[in-house]
PDB file of N, CA and C in Angstrom:
ATOM      1  N   MET A   1       0.819  -1.189   0.000  1.00  0.00           N
ATOM      2  CA  MET A   1       0.000   0.000   0.000  1.00  0.00           C
ATOM      3  C   MET A   1       0.865   1.255   0.000  1.00  0.00           C
ATOM      4  N   LYS A   2       1.896   1.275   0.831  1.00  0.00           N
ATOM      5  CA  LYS A   2       2.755   2.444   0.893  1.00  0.00           C
ATOM      6  C   LYS A   2       3.545   2.619  -0.394  1.00  0.00           C
ATOM      7  N   LYS A   3       3.836   1.501  -1.047  1.00  0.00           N
ATOM      8  CA  LYS A   3       4.596   1.563  -2.289  1.00  0.00           C
ATOM      9  C   LYS A   3       3.804   2.294  -3.375  1.00  0.00           C
ATOM     10  N   SER A   4       2.496   2.047  -3.445  1.00  0.00           N
ATOM     11  CA  SER A   4       1.684   2.705  -4.463  1.00  0.00           C
ATOM     12  C   SER A   4       1.556   4.201  -4.183  1.00  0.00           C
ATOM     13  N   LYS A   5       1.489   4.591  -2.902  1.00  0.00           N
ATOM     14  CA  LYS A   5       1.456   6.013  -2.570  1.00  0.00           C
ATOM     15  C   LYS A   5       2.749   6.687  -2.998  1.00  0.00           C
ATOM     16  N   LEU A   6       3.849   6.010  -2.753  1.00  0.00           N
ATOM     17  CA  LEU A   6       5.148   6.552  -3.125  1.00  0.00           C
ATOM     18  C   LEU A   6       5.236   6.720  -4.640  1.00  0.00           C
ATOM     19  N   VAL A   7       4.742   5.738  -5.378  1.00  0.00           N
ATOM     20  CA  VAL A   7       4.745   5.813  -6.843  1.00  0.00           C
ATOM     21  C   VAL A   7       3.869   6.970  -7.309  1.00  0.00           C
ATOM     22  N   ASN A   8       2.713   7.159  -6.686  1.00  0.00           N
ATOM     23  CA  ASN A   8       1.820   8.248  -7.080  1.00  0.00           C
ATOM     24  C   ASN A   8       2.479   9.607  -6.896  1.00  0.00           C
ATOM     25  N   TYR A   9       3.084   9.818  -5.740  1.00  0.00           N
ATOM     26  CA  TYR A   9       3.742  11.099  -5.490  1.00  0.00           C
ATOM     27  C   TYR A   9       4.958  11.285  -6.383  1.00  0.00           C
ATOM     28  N   PHE A  10       5.663  10.191  -6.667  1.00  0.00           N
ATOM     29  CA  PHE A  10       6.792  10.262  -7.588  1.00  0.00           C
ATOM     30  C   PHE A  10       6.330  10.687  -8.982  1.00  0.00           C
ATOM     31  N   LEU A  11       5.191  10.151  -9.442  1.00  0.00           N
ATOM     32  CA  LEU A  11       4.649  10.536 -10.749  1.00  0.00           C
ATOM     33  C   LEU A  11       4.298  12.023 -10.794  1.00  0.00           C
ATOM     34  N   VAL A  12       3.692  12.527  -9.727  1.00  0.00           N
ATOM     35  CA  VAL A  12       3.314  13.941  -9.685  1.00  0.00           C
ATOM     36  C   VAL A  12       4.561  14.821  -9.730  1.00  0.00           C
ATOM     37  N   ILE A  13       5.536  14.512  -8.915  1.00  0.00           N
ATOM     38  CA  ILE A  13       6.751  15.337  -8.865  1.00  0.00           C
ATOM     39  C   ILE A  13       7.524  15.251 -10.181  1.00  0.00           C
ATOM     40  N   THR A  14       7.623  14.045 -10.745  1.00  0.00           N
ATOM     41  CA  THR A  14       8.312  13.879 -12.017  1.00  0.00           C
ATOM     42  C   THR A  14       7.599  14.644 -13.130  1.00  0.00           C
ATOM     43  N   GLY A  15       6.282  14.565 -13.152  1.00  0.00           N
ATOM     44  CA  GLY A  15       5.519  15.297 -14.159  1.00  0.00           C
ATOM     45  C   GLY A  15       5.713  16.795 -14.046  1.00  0.00           C
ATOM     46  N   CYS A  16       5.772  17.296 -12.821  1.00  0.00           N
ATOM     47  CA  CYS A  16       6.012  18.736 -12.617  1.00  0.00           C
ATOM     48  C   CYS A  16       7.374  19.143 -13.148  1.00  0.00           C
ATOM     49  N   PHE A  17       8.403  18.375 -12.802  1.00  0.00           N
ATOM     50  CA  PHE A  17       9.747  18.720 -13.247  1.00  0.00           C
ATOM     51  C   PHE A  17       9.880  18.643 -14.764  1.00  0.00           C
ATOM     52  N   VAL A  18       9.272  17.638 -15.381  1.00  0.00           N
ATOM     53  CA  VAL A  18       9.350  17.506 -16.841  1.00  0.00           C
ATOM     54  C   VAL A  18       8.622  18.670 -17.515  1.00  0.00           C
ATOM     55  N   ALA A  19       7.455  19.052 -17.007  1.00  0.00           N
ATOM     56  CA  ALA A  19       6.707  20.162 -17.595  1.00  0.00           C
ATOM     57  C   ALA A  19       7.456  21.483 -17.423  1.00  0.00           C
ATOM     58  N   ILE A  20       8.064  21.685 -16.267  1.00  0.00           N
ATOM     59  CA  ILE A  20       8.838  22.912 -16.044  1.00  0.00           C
ATOM     60  C   ILE A  20      10.079  22.922 -16.927  1.00  0.00           C
ATOM     61  N   TYR A  21      10.731  21.785 -17.081  1.00  0.00           N
ATOM     62  CA  TYR A  21      11.905  21.687 -17.942  1.00  0.00           C
ATOM     63  C   TYR A  21      11.544  22.029 -19.389  1.00  0.00           C
ATOM     64  N   ALA A  22      10.388  21.589 -19.854  1.00  0.00           N
ATOM     65  CA  ALA A  22       9.968  21.853 -21.229  1.00  0.00           C
ATOM     66  C   ALA A  22       9.699  23.339 -21.437  1.00  0.00           C
ATOM     67  N   GLN A  23       9.286  24.041 -20.395  1.00  0.00           N
ATOM     68  CA  GLN A  23       8.993  25.474 -20.497  1.00  0.00           C
ATOM     69  C   GLN A  23      10.247  26.330 -20.319  1.00  0.00           C
ATOM     70  N   ALA A  24      11.340  25.764 -19.833  1.00  0.00           N
ATOM     71  CA  ALA A  24      12.521  26.545 -19.486  1.00  0.00           C
ATOM     72  C   ALA A  24      13.276  27.064 -20.718  1.00  0.00           C
ATOM     73  N   ASP A  25      13.243  26.351 -21.796  1.00  0.00           N
ATOM     74  CA  ASP A  25      13.986  26.756 -22.985  1.00  0.00           C
ATOM     75  C   ASP A  25      13.292  27.902 -23.712  1.00  0.00           C
ATOM     76  N   LYS A  26      14.079  28.634 -24.503  1.00  0.00           N
ATOM     77  CA  LYS A  26      13.480  29.682 -25.332  1.00  0.00           C
ATOM     78  C   LYS A  26      12.589  29.047 -26.394  1.00  0.00           C
ATOM     79  N   LYS A  27      13.081  27.956 -26.962  1.00  0.00           N
ATOM     80  CA  LYS A  27      12.301  27.210 -27.946  1.00  0.00           C
ATOM     81  C   LYS A  27      11.657  26.040 -27.202  1.00  0.00           C
ATOM     82  N   GLN A  28      10.377  26.151 -26.914  1.00  0.00           N
ATOM     83  CA  GLN A  28       9.682  25.157 -26.102  1.00  0.00           C
ATOM     84  C   GLN A  28       9.454  23.870 -26.891  1.00  0.00           C
ATOM     85  N   ASN A  29       9.717  22.754 -26.260  1.00  0.00           N
ATOM     86  CA  ASN A  29       9.462  21.460 -26.872  1.00  0.00           C
ATOM     87  C   ASN A  29       8.079  20.991 -26.417  1.00  0.00           C
ATOM     88  N   VAL A  30       7.132  21.029 -27.323  1.00  0.00           N
ATOM     89  CA  VAL A  30       5.742  20.732 -26.997  1.00  0.00           C
ATOM     90  C   VAL A  30       5.555  19.268 -26.610  1.00  0.00           C
ATOM     91  N   ILE A  31       6.272  18.377 -27.258  1.00  0.00           N
ATOM     92  CA  ILE A  31       6.121  16.949 -26.972  1.00  0.00           C
ATOM     93  C   ILE A  31       6.522  16.652 -25.525  1.00  0.00           C
ATOM     94  N   ILE A  32       7.658  17.210 -25.089  1.00  0.00           N
ATOM     95  CA  ILE A  32       8.103  16.984 -23.711  1.00  0.00           C
ATOM     96  C   ILE A  32       7.114  17.598 -22.734  1.00  0.00           C
ATOM     97  N   LEU A  33       6.571  18.760 -23.063  1.00  0.00           N
ATOM     98  CA  LEU A  33       5.564  19.401 -22.209  1.00  0.00           C
ATOM     99  C   LEU A  33       4.324  18.524 -22.073  1.00  0.00           C
ATOM    100  N   ILE A  34       3.857  17.970 -23.167  1.00  0.00           N
ATOM    101  CA  ILE A  34       2.669  17.107 -23.136  1.00  0.00           C
ATOM    102  C   ILE A  34       2.944  15.845 -22.326  1.00  0.00           C
ATOM    103  N   VAL A  35       4.119  15.258 -22.489  1.00  0.00           N
ATOM    104  CA  VAL A  35       4.476  14.058 -21.715  1.00  0.00           C
ATOM    105  C   VAL A  35       4.509  14.386 -20.221  1.00  0.00           C
ATOM    106  N   GLY A  36       5.070  15.539 -19.861  1.00  0.00           N
ATOM    107  CA  GLY A  36       5.109  15.953 -18.463  1.00  0.00           C
ATOM    108  C   GLY A  36       3.718  16.146 -17.886  1.00  0.00           C
ATOM    109  N   ILE A  37       2.844  16.753 -18.650  1.00  0.00           N
ATOM    110  CA  ILE A  37       1.469  16.970 -18.186  1.00  0.00           C
ATOM    111  C   ILE A  37       0.733  15.640 -18.044  1.00  0.00           C
ATOM    112  N   VAL A  38       0.960  14.726 -18.968  1.00  0.00           N
ATOM    113  CA  VAL A  38       0.317  13.406 -18.890  1.00  0.00           C
ATOM    114  C   VAL A  38       0.789  12.656 -17.646  1.00  0.00           C
ATOM    115  N   ILE A  39       2.088  12.697 -17.363  1.00  0.00           N
ATOM    116  CA  ILE A  39       2.610  12.027 -16.158  1.00  0.00           C
ATOM    117  C   ILE A  39       2.021  12.668 -14.902  1.00  0.00           C
ATOM    118  N   LEU A  40       1.968  13.995 -14.893  1.00  0.00           N
ATOM    119  CA  LEU A  40       1.397  14.715 -13.755  1.00  0.00           C
ATOM    120  C   LEU A  40      -0.069  14.338 -13.542  1.00  0.00           C
ATOM    121  N   MET A  41      -0.851  14.330 -14.590  1.00  0.00           N
ATOM    122  CA  MET A  41      -2.263  14.008 -14.473  1.00  0.00           C
ATOM    123  C   MET A  41      -2.487  12.543 -14.089  1.00  0.00           C
ATOM    124  N   LEU A  42      -1.629  11.651 -14.554  1.00  0.00           N
ATOM    125  CA  LEU A  42      -1.730  10.246 -14.166  1.00  0.00           C
ATOM    126  C   LEU A  42      -1.514  10.091 -12.666  1.00  0.00           C
ATOM    127  N   GLY A  43      -0.519  10.790 -12.143  1.00  0.00           N
ATOM    128  CA  GLY A  43      -0.273  10.740 -10.703  1.00  0.00           C
ATOM    129  C   GLY A  43      -1.427  11.314  -9.901  1.00  0.00           C
ATOM    130  N   ILE A  44      -1.964  12.442 -10.353  1.00  0.00           N
ATOM    131  CA  ILE A  44      -3.106  13.062  -9.661  1.00  0.00           C
ATOM    132  C   ILE A  44      -4.329  12.154  -9.725  1.00  0.00           C
ATOM    133  N   PHE A  45      -4.560  11.528 -10.870  1.00  0.00           N
ATOM    134  CA  PHE A  45      -5.698  10.619 -11.013  1.00  0.00           C
ATOM    135  C   PHE A  45      -5.574   9.431 -10.060  1.00  0.00           C
ATOM    136  N   ARG A  46      -4.363   8.874  -9.958  1.00  0.00           N
ATOM    137  CA  ARG A  46      -4.163   7.725  -9.070  1.00  0.00           C
ATOM    138  C   ARG A  46      -4.350   8.115  -7.612  1.00  0.00           C
ATOM    139  N   ILE A  47      -3.927   9.332  -7.240  1.00  0.00           N
ATOM    140  CA  ILE A  47      -4.130   9.795  -5.867  1.00  0.00           C
ATOM    141  C   ILE A  47      -5.612  10.028  -5.602  1.00  0.00           C
ATOM    142  N   ALA A  48      -6.294  10.657  -6.545  1.00  0.00           N
ATOM    143  CA  ALA A  48      -7.713  10.964  -6.366  1.00  0.00           C
ATOM    144  C   ALA A  48      -8.575   9.698  -6.340  1.00  0.00           C
ATOM    145  N   SER A  49      -8.143   8.653  -7.017  1.00  0.00           N
ATOM    146  CA  SER A  49      -8.953   7.426  -7.040  1.00  0.00           C
ATOM    147  C   SER A  49      -8.958   6.712  -5.696  1.00  0.00           C
ATOM    148  N   THR A  50      -8.003   7.019  -4.840  1.00  0.00           N
ATOM    149  CA  THR A  50      -7.963   6.382  -3.524  1.00  0.00           C
ATOM    150  C   THR A  50      -8.830   7.108  -2.499  1.00  0.00           C
ATOM    151  N   ILE A  51      -9.298   8.305  -2.820  1.00  0.00           N
ATOM    152  CA  ILE A  51     -10.132   9.077  -1.901  1.00  0.00           C
ATOM    153  C   ILE A  51     -11.580   8.622  -2.069  1.00  0.00           C
ATOM    154  N   PRO A  52     -12.240   8.203  -1.001  1.00  0.00           N
ATOM    155  CA  PRO A  52     -13.618   7.729  -1.138  1.00  0.00           C
ATOM    156  C   PRO A  52     -14.584   8.884  -1.419  1.00  0.00           C
ATOM    157  N   SER A  53     -15.646   8.581  -2.100  1.00  0.00           N
ATOM    158  CA  SER A  53     -16.655   9.568  -2.428  1.00  0.00           C
ATOM    159  C   SER A  53     -17.439   9.964  -1.182  1.00  0.00           C
ATOM    160  N   LYS A  54     -17.824  11.231  -1.106  1.00  0.00           N
ATOM    161  CA  LYS A  54     -18.618  11.694   0.038  1.00  0.00           C
ATOM    162  C   LYS A  54     -19.996  11.045   0.014  1.00  0.00           C
ATOM    163  N   HIS A  55     -20.580  10.926  -1.164  1.00  0.00           N
ATOM    164  CA  HIS A  55     -21.909  10.328  -1.276  1.00  0.00           C
ATOM    165  C   HIS A  55     -21.881   8.845  -0.931  1.00  0.00           C
ATOM    166  N   GLU A  56     -20.805   8.182  -1.289  1.00  0.00           N
ATOM    167  CA  GLU A  56     -20.681   6.769  -0.967  1.00  0.00           C
ATOM    168  C   GLU A  56     -20.588   6.580   0.549  1.00  0.00           C
ATOM    169  N   LYS A  57     -19.903   7.478   1.221  1.00  0.00           N
ATOM    170  CA  LYS A  57     -19.774   7.417   2.667  1.00  0.00           C
ATOM    171  C   LYS A  57     -21.128   7.646   3.337  1.00  0.00           C
ATOM    172  N   ASP A  58     -21.918   8.605   2.819  1.00  0.00           N
ATOM    173  CA  ASP A  58     -23.223   8.906   3.382  1.00  0.00           C
ATOM    174  C   ASP A  58     -24.175   7.713   3.232  1.00  0.00           C
ATOM    175  N   THR A  59     -24.156   7.040   2.103  1.00  0.00           N
ATOM    176  CA  THR A  59     -25.060   5.904   1.916  1.00  0.00           C
ATOM    177  C   THR A  59     -24.661   4.735   2.807  1.00  0.00           C
ATOM    178  N   ASN A  60     -23.386   4.562   3.040  1.00  0.00           N
ATOM    179  CA  ASN A  60     -22.933   3.484   3.941  1.00  0.00           C
ATOM    180  C   ASN A  60     -23.366   3.765   5.367  1.00  0.00           C
ATOM    181  N   GLU A  61     -23.323   5.010   5.814  1.00  0.00           N
ATOM    182  CA  GLU A  61     -23.748   5.354   7.156  1.00  0.00           C
ATOM    183  C   GLU A  61     -25.261   5.173   7.309  1.00  0.00           C
ATOM    184  N   ASN A  62     -26.028   5.528   6.283  1.00  0.00           N
ATOM    185  CA  ASN A  62     -27.483   5.363   6.332  1.00  0.00           C
ATOM    186  C   ASN A  62     -27.853   3.885   6.366  1.00  0.00           C
ATOM    187  N   ASP A  63     -27.142   3.046   5.661  1.00  0.00           N
ATOM    188  CA  ASP A  63     -27.414   1.610   5.671  1.00  0.00           C
ATOM    189  C   ASP A  63     -27.134   1.010   7.049  1.00  0.00           C
ATOM    190  N   ASN A  64     -26.104   1.507   7.716  1.00  0.00           N
ATOM    191  CA  ASN A  64     -25.749   0.988   9.029  1.00  0.00           C
ATOM    192  C   ASN A  64     -26.760   1.396  10.089  1.00  0.00           C
ATOM    193  N   GLU A  65     -27.391   2.560   9.938  1.00  0.00           N
ATOM    194  CA  GLU A  65     -28.362   3.028  10.914  1.00  0.00           C
ATOM    195  C   GLU A  65     -29.664   2.247  10.847  1.00  0.00           C
ATOM    196  N   GLN A  66     -30.020   1.765   9.681  1.00  0.00           N
ATOM    197  CA  GLN A  66     -31.305   1.073   9.519  1.00  0.00           C
ATOM    198  C   GLN A  66     -31.183  -0.331   9.899  1.00  0.00           C
TER     199      GLN A  66
END
């Protein structure tokens, strides 16, 4: 479990650095920028998928009360 969290944060940080690196040059490399953004979004998506939905939590509590 901890390994997947570490991978998720690594993806986010790597994506940030790659996107910033692509913007640093005078002549911007669009392909590297897109790859950096994709890595960043993949990491954010994986982190967000582990957060439970608020509505799902509410329905579970209502089921337990009845």
